[in-house]
Amino acid sequence: MILIVDSGSTKCDWLAIDSNGNQLLEKQRTKGLNPAILSSKKLHNTIKKNAVLKQHSDEVSNIFFYGAGCGTEKPRLMLQDVLQSFFSNAKVEVKEDTYAAVYSTISNNHEAAIVCILGTGSNCSYFDGEILHQRVKSLGYTVMDDASGNYFGKQLLRDYYFNHMPEDIKVSFAERYNVDSDFVKYNLYKQPNPNAYLASHAEFMFLNKDSQYVINLIKNGISLFAKNYILQFNEFLDKVPVHFAGSIAYFSQDEIREVAKELGFTVGNFERRPIEGLVNYHVSNL
């Protein structure tokens, strides 16, 4: 049994396949396993809570894990040790989530492309057909992550409290979310995964895209991301497409295309859930 795992900070999808790509179990979901913000104990307990994974843990021969927070060695190795201890018979490979975005969006194994992730967090890399290149070292959700779910959640909360929202949008936002200041601060400063908490507000934008305020909010975030991330690879923009993975990107395609036209880059493929695109890649590369 082969497990392909795609994890953000909010949620983690587990797909069990055989060597021919046939799905063996119903797709499983756990909370996100971000080793940059969670302890090894928390990571282990999150996996352990899933009864199906626990039941079949001894049957797993290979794990291909792609996740947020796995871009630097220390948290990556910590998560690898956790997975190895839980799936004792498996060969474990852990890579940052950018590789999942690359493998699921490129048209062939050796296609060069700029690949962006816009989910709970955000990232951008250049894939030369073999090696992944990054020019911005992420400092996490408090400083970076432009146009991500947590970025937009933060902007929505700020606009609500600074009274920058139109009144009808402000009323709708307060009806959908608990905006009591004590509740907000408790989740931001005393609960784990504040980035996921912030990102939980981003859905509001896509439920209210008939509002010019929301359209402007999305486009401004995408423009900021493009200028800070995509334009880092300016010398490649006339040669390769720019692919996008993640739910924020998937639901912001119109705004992304507008920004692309303004800044002069070519939009390629969109993949909402990279895990489906990883099956073909791994079956052909076993």
C-alpha atoms as a PDB file:
ATOM      1  CA  MET A   1       0.000   0.000   0.000  1.00  0.00           C
ATOM      2  CA  ILE A   2       1.290   3.434  -0.990  1.00  0.00           C
ATOM      3  CA  LEU A   3       0.157   6.570   0.814  1.00  0.00           C
ATOM      4  CA  ILE A   4       0.210   9.901  -0.990  1.00  0.00           C
ATOM      5  CA  VAL A   5      -0.303  12.741   1.470  1.00  0.00           C
ATOM      6  CA  ASP A   6      -0.992  16.408   0.788  1.00  0.00           C
ATOM      7  CA  SER A   7      -1.012  18.605   3.875  1.00  0.00           C
ATOM      8  CA  GLY A   8      -1.631  22.262   4.434  1.00  0.00           C
ATOM      9  CA  SER A   9      -1.832  23.916   7.805  1.00  0.00           C
ATOM     10  CA  THR A  10      -5.614  23.477   7.926  1.00  0.00           C
ATOM     11  CA  LYS A  11      -6.215  19.979   6.581  1.00  0.00           C
ATOM     12  CA  CYS A  12      -4.327  16.927   5.404  1.00  0.00           C
ATOM     13  CA  ASP A  13      -5.542  14.480   2.713  1.00  0.00           C
ATOM     14  CA  TRP A  14      -4.364  10.848   2.622  1.00  0.00           C
ATOM     15  CA  LEU A  15      -4.780   8.722  -0.497  1.00  0.00           C
ATOM     16  CA  ALA A  16      -4.000   4.967  -0.433  1.00  0.00           C
ATOM     17  CA  ILE A  17      -3.166   3.349  -3.776  1.00  0.00           C
ATOM     18  CA  ASP A  18      -1.499   0.230  -5.109  1.00  0.00           C
ATOM     19  CA  SER A  19       1.418   0.198  -7.558  1.00  0.00           C
ATOM     20  CA  ASN A  20      -0.989   0.519 -10.505  1.00  0.00           C
ATOM     21  CA  GLY A  21      -2.658   3.630  -9.104  1.00  0.00           C
ATOM     22  CA  ASN A  22      -5.838   1.891  -7.972  1.00  0.00           C
ATOM     23  CA  GLN A  23      -7.363   3.475  -4.876  1.00  0.00           C
ATOM     24  CA  LEU A  24      -7.436   0.989  -1.996  1.00  0.00           C
ATOM     25  CA  LEU A  25      -9.229   2.942   0.712  1.00  0.00           C
ATOM     26  CA  GLU A  26     -11.609   5.850   0.904  1.00  0.00           C
ATOM     27  CA  LYS A  27      -9.630   9.082   0.975  1.00  0.00           C
ATOM     28  CA  GLN A  28      -8.880  10.061   4.560  1.00  0.00           C
ATOM     29  CA  ARG A  29      -8.622  13.534   6.035  1.00  0.00           C
ATOM     30  CA  THR A  30      -6.943  14.688   9.226  1.00  0.00           C
ATOM     31  CA  LYS A  31      -6.100  18.100  10.563  1.00  0.00           C
ATOM     32  CA  GLY A  32      -3.096  19.738   8.940  1.00  0.00           C
ATOM     33  CA  LEU A  33       0.360  18.433   9.867  1.00  0.00           C
ATOM     34  CA  ASN A  34       2.606  21.486   9.737  1.00  0.00           C
ATOM     35  CA  PRO A  35       5.845  20.616  11.587  1.00  0.00           C
ATOM     36  CA  ALA A  36       6.914  24.251  11.643  1.00  0.00           C
ATOM     37  CA  ILE A  37       4.146  25.100  14.116  1.00  0.00           C
ATOM     38  CA  LEU A  38       3.196  21.764  15.739  1.00  0.00           C
ATOM     39  CA  SER A  39       5.179  19.593  18.155  1.00  0.00           C
ATOM     40  CA  SER A  40       6.055  15.988  17.343  1.00  0.00           C
ATOM     41  CA  LYS A  41       3.566  14.841  19.986  1.00  0.00           C
ATOM     42  CA  LYS A  42       0.787  16.892  18.409  1.00  0.00           C
ATOM     43  CA  LEU A  43       1.660  15.551  14.965  1.00  0.00           C
ATOM     44  CA  HIS A  44       1.605  11.950  16.190  1.00  0.00           C
ATOM     45  CA  ASN A  45      -1.675  12.385  18.057  1.00  0.00           C
ATOM     46  CA  THR A  46      -3.326  13.937  14.999  1.00  0.00           C
ATOM     47  CA  ILE A  47      -2.480  10.873  12.885  1.00  0.00           C
ATOM     48  CA  LYS A  48      -3.420   8.484  15.687  1.00  0.00           C
ATOM     49  CA  LYS A  49      -6.936   9.916  15.883  1.00  0.00           C
ATOM     50  CA  ASN A  50      -7.715   8.551  12.423  1.00  0.00           C
ATOM     51  CA  ALA A  51      -8.968   4.986  12.934  1.00  0.00           C
ATOM     52  CA  VAL A  52      -8.462   3.915   9.297  1.00  0.00           C
ATOM     53  CA  LEU A  53      -4.828   5.024   9.189  1.00  0.00           C
ATOM     54  CA  LYS A  54      -4.196   3.337  12.507  1.00  0.00           C
ATOM     55  CA  GLN A  55      -5.837   0.090  11.350  1.00  0.00           C
ATOM     56  CA  HIS A  56      -3.752  -0.144   8.158  1.00  0.00           C
ATOM     57  CA  SER A  57      -0.489   1.346   9.438  1.00  0.00           C
ATOM     58  CA  ASP A  58       1.455  -1.949   9.127  1.00  0.00           C
ATOM     59  CA  GLU A  59       0.389  -2.424   5.487  1.00  0.00           C
ATOM     60  CA  VAL A  60       1.975   0.770   4.184  1.00  0.00           C
ATOM     61  CA  SER A  61       5.146   0.264   2.145  1.00  0.00           C
ATOM     62  CA  ASN A  62       5.761   3.823   0.910  1.00  0.00           C
ATOM     63  CA  ILE A  63       4.711   7.280   2.038  1.00  0.00           C
ATOM     64  CA  PHE A  64       5.085  10.323  -0.194  1.00  0.00           C
ATOM     65  CA  PHE A  65       4.282  13.279   2.033  1.00  0.00           C
ATOM     66  CA  TYR A  66       4.022  16.858   0.762  1.00  0.00           C
ATOM     67  CA  GLY A  67       3.333  19.526   3.313  1.00  0.00           C
ATOM     68  CA  ALA A  68       3.378  23.109   4.474  1.00  0.00           C
ATOM     69  CA  GLY A  69       6.213  23.783   6.904  1.00  0.00           C
ATOM     70  CA  CYS A  70       8.483  21.121   5.350  1.00  0.00           C
ATOM     71  CA  GLY A  71      10.732  23.485   3.438  1.00  0.00           C
ATOM     72  CA  THR A  72      13.520  23.529   6.025  1.00  0.00           C
ATOM     73  CA  GLU A  73      15.454  20.573   7.351  1.00  0.00           C
ATOM     74  CA  LYS A  74      14.656  20.532  11.075  1.00  0.00           C
ATOM     75  CA  PRO A  75      10.833  20.420  10.881  1.00  0.00           C
ATOM     76  CA  ARG A  76      10.980  18.137   7.824  1.00  0.00           C
ATOM     77  CA  LEU A  77      13.105  15.577   9.661  1.00  0.00           C
ATOM     78  CA  MET A  78      10.917  15.813  12.752  1.00  0.00           C
ATOM     79  CA  LEU A  79       7.816  14.988  10.724  1.00  0.00           C
ATOM     80  CA  GLN A  80       9.659  12.204   8.906  1.00  0.00           C
ATOM     81  CA  ASP A  81      10.514  10.624  12.257  1.00  0.00           C
ATOM     82  CA  VAL A  82       6.881  10.878  13.388  1.00  0.00           C
ATOM     83  CA  LEU A  83       5.639   9.194  10.209  1.00  0.00           C
ATOM     84  CA  GLN A  84       8.312   6.514  10.431  1.00  0.00           C
ATOM     85  CA  SER A  85       7.373   5.695  14.008  1.00  0.00           C
ATOM     86  CA  PHE A  86       3.674   5.400  13.135  1.00  0.00           C
ATOM     87  CA  PHE A  87       4.091   3.526   9.822  1.00  0.00           C
ATOM     88  CA  SER A  88       6.960   1.295  10.910  1.00  0.00           C
ATOM     89  CA  ASN A  89       7.199  -0.771   7.710  1.00  0.00           C
ATOM     90  CA  ALA A  90       7.133   2.143   5.301  1.00  0.00           C
ATOM     91  CA  LYS A  91       9.801   3.991   3.399  1.00  0.00           C
ATOM     92  CA  VAL A  92       9.033   7.646   4.116  1.00  0.00           C
ATOM     93  CA  GLU A  93       9.748  10.613   1.871  1.00  0.00           C
ATOM     94  CA  VAL A  94       8.831  14.133   3.039  1.00  0.00           C
ATOM     95  CA  LYS A  95       8.954  17.178   0.779  1.00  0.00           C
ATOM     96  CA  GLU A  96       7.605  20.684   0.992  1.00  0.00           C
ATOM     97  CA  ASP A  97       4.156  21.266  -0.479  1.00  0.00           C
ATOM     98  CA  THR A  98       5.607  23.158  -3.423  1.00  0.00           C
ATOM     99  CA  TYR A  99       6.691  19.859  -4.970  1.00  0.00           C
ATOM    100  CA  ALA A 100       3.100  18.599  -4.838  1.00  0.00           C
ATOM    101  CA  ALA A 101       1.999  21.733  -6.632  1.00  0.00           C
ATOM    102  CA  VAL A 102       4.708  21.224  -9.261  1.00  0.00           C
ATOM    103  CA  TYR A 103       4.056  17.540  -9.900  1.00  0.00           C
ATOM    104  CA  SER A 104       0.284  18.031 -10.087  1.00  0.00           C
ATOM    105  CA  THR A 105       0.271  21.043 -12.434  1.00  0.00           C
ATOM    106  CA  ILE A 106       3.065  20.474 -14.962  1.00  0.00           C
ATOM    107  CA  SER A 107       2.044  18.822 -18.232  1.00  0.00           C
ATOM    108  CA  ASN A 108       5.025  16.449 -18.311  1.00  0.00           C
ATOM    109  CA  ASN A 109       7.790  15.429 -15.908  1.00  0.00           C
ATOM    110  CA  HIS A 110      10.366  17.752 -17.459  1.00  0.00           C
ATOM    111  CA  GLU A 111       8.283  20.848 -18.127  1.00  0.00           C
ATOM    112  CA  ALA A 112       9.786  24.082 -16.839  1.00  0.00           C
ATOM    113  CA  ALA A 113       7.305  26.358 -15.095  1.00  0.00           C
ATOM    114  CA  ILE A 114       6.774  28.873 -12.340  1.00  0.00           C
ATOM    115  CA  VAL A 115       4.471  27.244  -9.795  1.00  0.00           C
ATOM    116  CA  CYS A 116       2.483  29.090  -7.134  1.00  0.00           C
ATOM    117  CA  ILE A 117       0.574  27.867  -4.106  1.00  0.00           C
ATOM    118  CA  LEU A 118      -2.345  29.917  -2.827  1.00  0.00           C
ATOM    119  CA  GLY A 119      -4.016  27.975  -0.040  1.00  0.00           C
ATOM    120  CA  THR A 120      -3.898  28.512   3.708  1.00  0.00           C
ATOM    121  CA  GLY A 121      -0.366  29.791   3.036  1.00  0.00           C
ATOM    122  CA  SER A 122       1.350  30.918  -0.158  1.00  0.00           C
ATOM    123  CA  ASN A 123       4.564  30.221  -2.008  1.00  0.00           C
ATOM    124  CA  CYS A 124       6.161  30.491  -5.435  1.00  0.00           C
ATOM    125  CA  SER A 125       8.985  28.537  -7.069  1.00  0.00           C
ATOM    126  CA  TYR A 126      10.660  28.017 -10.416  1.00  0.00           C
ATOM    127  CA  PHE A 127      10.905  24.408 -11.600  1.00  0.00           C
ATOM    128  CA  ASP A 128      13.511  23.998 -14.331  1.00  0.00           C
ATOM    129  CA  GLY A 129      12.292  20.541 -15.311  1.00  0.00           C
ATOM    130  CA  GLU A 130      14.375  18.779 -12.677  1.00  0.00           C
ATOM    131  CA  ILE A 131      15.166  21.049  -9.733  1.00  0.00           C
ATOM    132  CA  LEU A 132      13.026  23.436  -7.703  1.00  0.00           C
ATOM    133  CA  HIS A 133      14.391  26.955  -7.188  1.00  0.00           C
ATOM    134  CA  GLN A 134      13.140  29.452  -4.614  1.00  0.00           C
ATOM    135  CA  ARG A 135      14.316  33.017  -4.163  1.00  0.00           C
ATOM    136  CA  VAL A 136      12.199  33.968  -1.169  1.00  0.00           C
ATOM    137  CA  LYS A 137      12.699  32.159   2.127  1.00  0.00           C
ATOM    138  CA  SER A 138       9.338  32.151   3.841  1.00  0.00           C
ATOM    139  CA  LEU A 139       9.062  33.755   7.250  1.00  0.00           C
ATOM    140  CA  GLY A 140       5.578  32.368   7.754  1.00  0.00           C
ATOM    141  CA  TYR A 141       2.093  33.735   8.051  1.00  0.00           C
ATOM    142  CA  THR A 142       2.791  36.691  10.349  1.00  0.00           C
ATOM    143  CA  VAL A 143       5.189  38.362   7.903  1.00  0.00           C
ATOM    144  CA  MET A 144       4.612  36.857   4.445  1.00  0.00           C
ATOM    145  CA  ASP A 145       2.023  34.530   2.815  1.00  0.00           C
ATOM    146  CA  ASP A 146       0.616  37.237   0.524  1.00  0.00           C
ATOM    147  CA  ALA A 147      -2.757  36.351  -1.092  1.00  0.00           C
ATOM    148  CA  SER A 148      -3.114  33.217   1.042  1.00  0.00           C
ATOM    149  CA  GLY A 149      -6.153  32.228   3.037  1.00  0.00           C
ATOM    150  CA  ASN A 150      -4.621  33.544   6.238  1.00  0.00           C
ATOM    151  CA  TYR A 151      -3.621  36.793   4.472  1.00  0.00           C
ATOM    152  CA  PHE A 152      -7.180  37.406   3.296  1.00  0.00           C
ATOM    153  CA  GLY A 153      -8.619  36.372   6.659  1.00  0.00           C
ATOM    154  CA  LYS A 154      -6.388  38.928   8.333  1.00  0.00           C
ATOM    155  CA  GLN A 155      -7.426  41.624   5.856  1.00  0.00           C
ATOM    156  CA  LEU A 156     -11.108  40.886   6.406  1.00  0.00           C
ATOM    157  CA  LEU A 157     -10.768  41.102  10.179  1.00  0.00           C
ATOM    158  CA  ARG A 158      -8.757  44.303   9.918  1.00  0.00           C
ATOM    159  CA  ASP A 159     -11.288  45.876   7.556  1.00  0.00           C
ATOM    160  CA  TYR A 160     -14.123  44.851   9.849  1.00  0.00           C
ATOM    161  CA  TYR A 161     -12.537  46.422  12.929  1.00  0.00           C
ATOM    162  CA  PHE A 162     -11.229  49.506  11.092  1.00  0.00           C
ATOM    163  CA  ASN A 163     -14.695  50.039   9.531  1.00  0.00           C
ATOM    164  CA  HIS A 164     -13.355  49.749   5.991  1.00  0.00           C
ATOM    165  CA  MET A 165     -16.065  47.284   4.929  1.00  0.00           C
ATOM    166  CA  PRO A 166     -19.270  48.458   3.270  1.00  0.00           C
ATOM    167  CA  GLU A 167     -22.062  48.267   5.821  1.00  0.00           C
ATOM    168  CA  ASP A 168     -23.925  45.403   4.149  1.00  0.00           C
ATOM    169  CA  ILE A 169     -20.734  43.336   3.926  1.00  0.00           C
ATOM    170  CA  LYS A 170     -19.899  44.120   7.532  1.00  0.00           C
ATOM    171  CA  VAL A 171     -23.310  42.901   8.665  1.00  0.00           C
ATOM    172  CA  SER A 172     -22.949  39.684   6.647  1.00  0.00           C
ATOM    173  CA  PHE A 173     -19.472  39.081   8.011  1.00  0.00           C
ATOM    174  CA  ALA A 174     -20.667  39.480  11.625  1.00  0.00           C
ATOM    175  CA  GLU A 175     -23.567  37.113  10.975  1.00  0.00           C
ATOM    176  CA  ARG A 176     -21.244  34.415   9.640  1.00  0.00           C
ATOM    177  CA  TYR A 177     -18.347  34.682  12.105  1.00  0.00           C
ATOM    178  CA  ASN A 178     -17.878  35.322  15.790  1.00  0.00           C
ATOM    179  CA  VAL A 179     -16.272  38.772  15.744  1.00  0.00           C
ATOM    180  CA  ASP A 180     -16.252  39.318  19.487  1.00  0.00           C
ATOM    181  CA  SER A 181     -12.800  40.793  20.150  1.00  0.00           C
ATOM    182  CA  ASP A 182     -12.043  38.437  23.059  1.00  0.00           C
ATOM    183  CA  PHE A 183     -12.929  35.432  20.918  1.00  0.00           C
ATOM    184  CA  VAL A 184     -10.763  36.664  18.043  1.00  0.00           C
ATOM    185  CA  LYS A 185      -7.771  37.339  20.297  1.00  0.00           C
ATOM    186  CA  TYR A 186      -8.163  33.976  22.038  1.00  0.00           C
ATOM    187  CA  ASN A 187      -7.934  32.187  18.692  1.00  0.00           C
ATOM    188  CA  LEU A 188      -5.061  34.333  17.469  1.00  0.00           C
ATOM    189  CA  TYR A 189      -2.858  34.222  20.547  1.00  0.00           C
ATOM    190  CA  LYS A 190      -3.872  31.312  22.763  1.00  0.00           C
ATOM    191  CA  GLN A 191      -4.893  28.551  20.351  1.00  0.00           C
ATOM    192  CA  PRO A 192      -2.751  26.398  18.023  1.00  0.00           C
ATOM    193  CA  ASN A 193      -2.820  27.075  14.271  1.00  0.00           C
ATOM    194  CA  PRO A 194      -3.764  30.780  14.251  1.00  0.00           C
ATOM    195  CA  ASN A 195      -2.945  30.781  10.532  1.00  0.00           C
ATOM    196  CA  ALA A 196      -5.666  28.192   9.927  1.00  0.00           C
ATOM    197  CA  TYR A 197      -8.063  30.232  12.078  1.00  0.00           C
ATOM    198  CA  LEU A 198      -7.404  33.301   9.948  1.00  0.00           C
ATOM    199  CA  ALA A 199      -7.772  31.282   6.749  1.00  0.00           C
ATOM    200  CA  SER A 200     -11.185  30.034   7.845  1.00  0.00           C
ATOM    201  CA  HIS A 201     -12.538  33.523   7.110  1.00  0.00           C
ATOM    202  CA  ALA A 202     -11.373  33.561   3.484  1.00  0.00           C
ATOM    203  CA  GLU A 203     -14.368  31.583   2.227  1.00  0.00           C
ATOM    204  CA  PHE A 204     -16.430  34.701   2.908  1.00  0.00           C
ATOM    205  CA  MET A 205     -14.873  36.412  -0.115  1.00  0.00           C
ATOM    206  CA  PHE A 206     -16.017  33.762  -2.559  1.00  0.00           C
ATOM    207  CA  LEU A 207     -19.542  33.798  -1.159  1.00  0.00           C
ATOM    208  CA  ASN A 208     -19.708  37.550  -1.755  1.00  0.00           C
ATOM    209  CA  LYS A 209     -17.997  38.093  -5.092  1.00  0.00           C
ATOM    210  CA  ASP A 210     -20.882  40.253  -6.248  1.00  0.00           C
ATOM    211  CA  SER A 211     -19.368  42.977  -4.058  1.00  0.00           C
ATOM    212  CA  GLN A 212     -16.831  45.348  -5.606  1.00  0.00           C
ATOM    213  CA  TYR A 213     -15.183  45.574  -2.183  1.00  0.00           C
ATOM    214  CA  VAL A 214     -14.485  41.815  -2.287  1.00  0.00           C
ATOM    215  CA  ILE A 215     -13.279  41.872  -5.895  1.00  0.00           C
ATOM    216  CA  ASN A 216     -10.868  44.698  -5.061  1.00  0.00           C
ATOM    217  CA  LEU A 217      -9.678  42.857  -1.947  1.00  0.00           C
ATOM    218  CA  ILE A 218      -8.881  39.722  -3.950  1.00  0.00           C
ATOM    219  CA  LYS A 219      -7.201  41.577  -6.800  1.00  0.00           C
ATOM    220  CA  ASN A 220      -5.076  43.686  -4.455  1.00  0.00           C
ATOM    221  CA  GLY A 221      -3.891  40.545  -2.669  1.00  0.00           C
ATOM    222  CA  ILE A 222      -3.079  38.791  -5.947  1.00  0.00           C
ATOM    223  CA  SER A 223      -1.202  41.862  -7.203  1.00  0.00           C
ATOM    224  CA  LEU A 224       0.846  41.969  -4.022  1.00  0.00           C
ATOM    225  CA  PHE A 225       1.668  38.278  -4.344  1.00  0.00           C
ATOM    226  CA  ALA A 226       2.643  38.634  -8.000  1.00  0.00           C
ATOM    227  CA  LYS A 227       4.943  41.589  -7.350  1.00  0.00           C
ATOM    228  CA  ASN A 228       6.610  40.026  -4.300  1.00  0.00           C
ATOM    229  CA  TYR A 229       6.825  36.422  -5.515  1.00  0.00           C
ATOM    230  CA  ILE A 230       6.205  35.837  -9.227  1.00  0.00           C
ATOM    231  CA  LEU A 231       8.301  38.780 -10.389  1.00  0.00           C
ATOM    232  CA  GLN A 232      11.271  37.300  -8.516  1.00  0.00           C
ATOM    233  CA  PHE A 233      11.552  35.093 -11.617  1.00  0.00           C
ATOM    234  CA  ASN A 234      11.123  37.925 -14.096  1.00  0.00           C
ATOM    235  CA  GLU A 235      13.738  36.548 -16.522  1.00  0.00           C
ATOM    236  CA  PHE A 236      11.626  33.413 -17.085  1.00  0.00           C
ATOM    237  CA  LEU A 237       8.200  35.030 -17.494  1.00  0.00           C
ATOM    238  CA  ASP A 238       8.361  35.232 -21.289  1.00  0.00           C
ATOM    239  CA  LYS A 239       9.491  31.593 -21.566  1.00  0.00           C
ATOM    240  CA  VAL A 240       7.369  29.508 -19.176  1.00  0.00           C
ATOM    241  CA  PRO A 241       3.777  29.405 -17.888  1.00  0.00           C
ATOM    242  CA  VAL A 242       2.778  30.228 -14.327  1.00  0.00           C
ATOM    243  CA  HIS A 243       0.755  27.403 -12.764  1.00  0.00           C
ATOM    244  CA  PHE A 244      -1.360  27.701  -9.614  1.00  0.00           C
ATOM    245  CA  ALA A 245      -2.396  25.198  -6.947  1.00  0.00           C
ATOM    246  CA  GLY A 246      -4.672  25.595  -3.941  1.00  0.00           C
ATOM    247  CA  SER A 247      -8.257  26.605  -3.248  1.00  0.00           C
ATOM    248  CA  ILE A 248      -7.624  30.356  -3.049  1.00  0.00           C
ATOM    249  CA  ALA A 249      -6.032  30.294  -6.499  1.00  0.00           C
ATOM    250  CA  TYR A 250      -8.768  28.069  -7.899  1.00  0.00           C
ATOM    251  CA  PHE A 251     -11.534  30.461  -6.860  1.00  0.00           C
ATOM    252  CA  SER A 252      -9.543  33.581  -7.861  1.00  0.00           C
ATOM    253  CA  GLN A 253      -8.862  32.631 -11.472  1.00  0.00           C
ATOM    254  CA  ASP A 254     -10.486  35.733 -12.945  1.00  0.00           C
ATOM    255  CA  GLU A 255      -8.484  38.071 -10.731  1.00  0.00           C
ATOM    256  CA  ILE A 256      -5.260  36.126 -11.380  1.00  0.00           C
ATOM    257  CA  ARG A 257      -5.772  36.422 -15.137  1.00  0.00           C
ATOM    258  CA  GLU A 258      -6.381  40.166 -14.815  1.00  0.00           C
ATOM    259  CA  VAL A 259      -3.179  40.651 -12.822  1.00  0.00           C
ATOM    260  CA  ALA A 260      -1.264  38.433 -15.254  1.00  0.00           C
ATOM    261  CA  LYS A 261      -2.379  40.589 -18.166  1.00  0.00           C
ATOM    262  CA  GLU A 262      -1.314  43.741 -16.328  1.00  0.00           C
ATOM    263  CA  LEU A 263       2.110  42.380 -15.322  1.00  0.00           C
ATOM    264  CA  GLY A 264       2.836  40.393 -18.468  1.00  0.00           C
ATOM    265  CA  PHE A 265       2.978  36.730 -17.508  1.00  0.00           C
ATOM    266  CA  THR A 266       1.152  33.715 -18.953  1.00  0.00           C
ATOM    267  CA  VAL A 267      -1.250  31.797 -16.716  1.00  0.00           C
ATOM    268  CA  GLY A 268      -1.029  28.020 -17.066  1.00  0.00           C
ATOM    269  CA  ASN A 269      -2.934  25.332 -15.168  1.00  0.00           C
ATOM    270  CA  PHE A 270      -5.019  25.491 -11.995  1.00  0.00           C
ATOM    271  CA  GLU A 271      -5.214  22.566  -9.570  1.00  0.00           C
ATOM    272  CA  ARG A 272      -7.533  22.957  -6.599  1.00  0.00           C
ATOM    273  CA  ARG A 273      -6.430  19.745  -4.862  1.00  0.00           C
ATOM    274  CA  PRO A 274      -2.917  18.663  -5.873  1.00  0.00           C
ATOM    275  CA  ILE A 275      -3.270  15.183  -4.385  1.00  0.00           C
ATOM    276  CA  GLU A 276      -5.287  13.876  -7.372  1.00  0.00           C
ATOM    277  CA  GLY A 277      -2.561  14.972  -9.779  1.00  0.00           C
ATOM    278  CA  LEU A 278       0.130  13.222  -7.747  1.00  0.00           C
ATOM    279  CA  VAL A 279      -1.162   9.697  -8.393  1.00  0.00           C
ATOM    280  CA  ASN A 280      -0.121   9.570 -12.050  1.00  0.00           C
ATOM    281  CA  TYR A 281       3.245  11.093 -11.215  1.00  0.00           C
ATOM    282  CA  HIS A 282       4.110   8.535  -8.560  1.00  0.00           C
ATOM    283  CA  VAL A 283       2.751   5.507 -10.400  1.00  0.00           C
ATOM    284  CA  SER A 284       4.925   6.410 -13.395  1.00  0.00           C
ATOM    285  CA  ASN A 285       7.966   6.991 -11.182  1.00  0.00           C
ATOM    286  CA  LEU A 286       7.828   4.037  -8.782  1.00  0.00           C
END
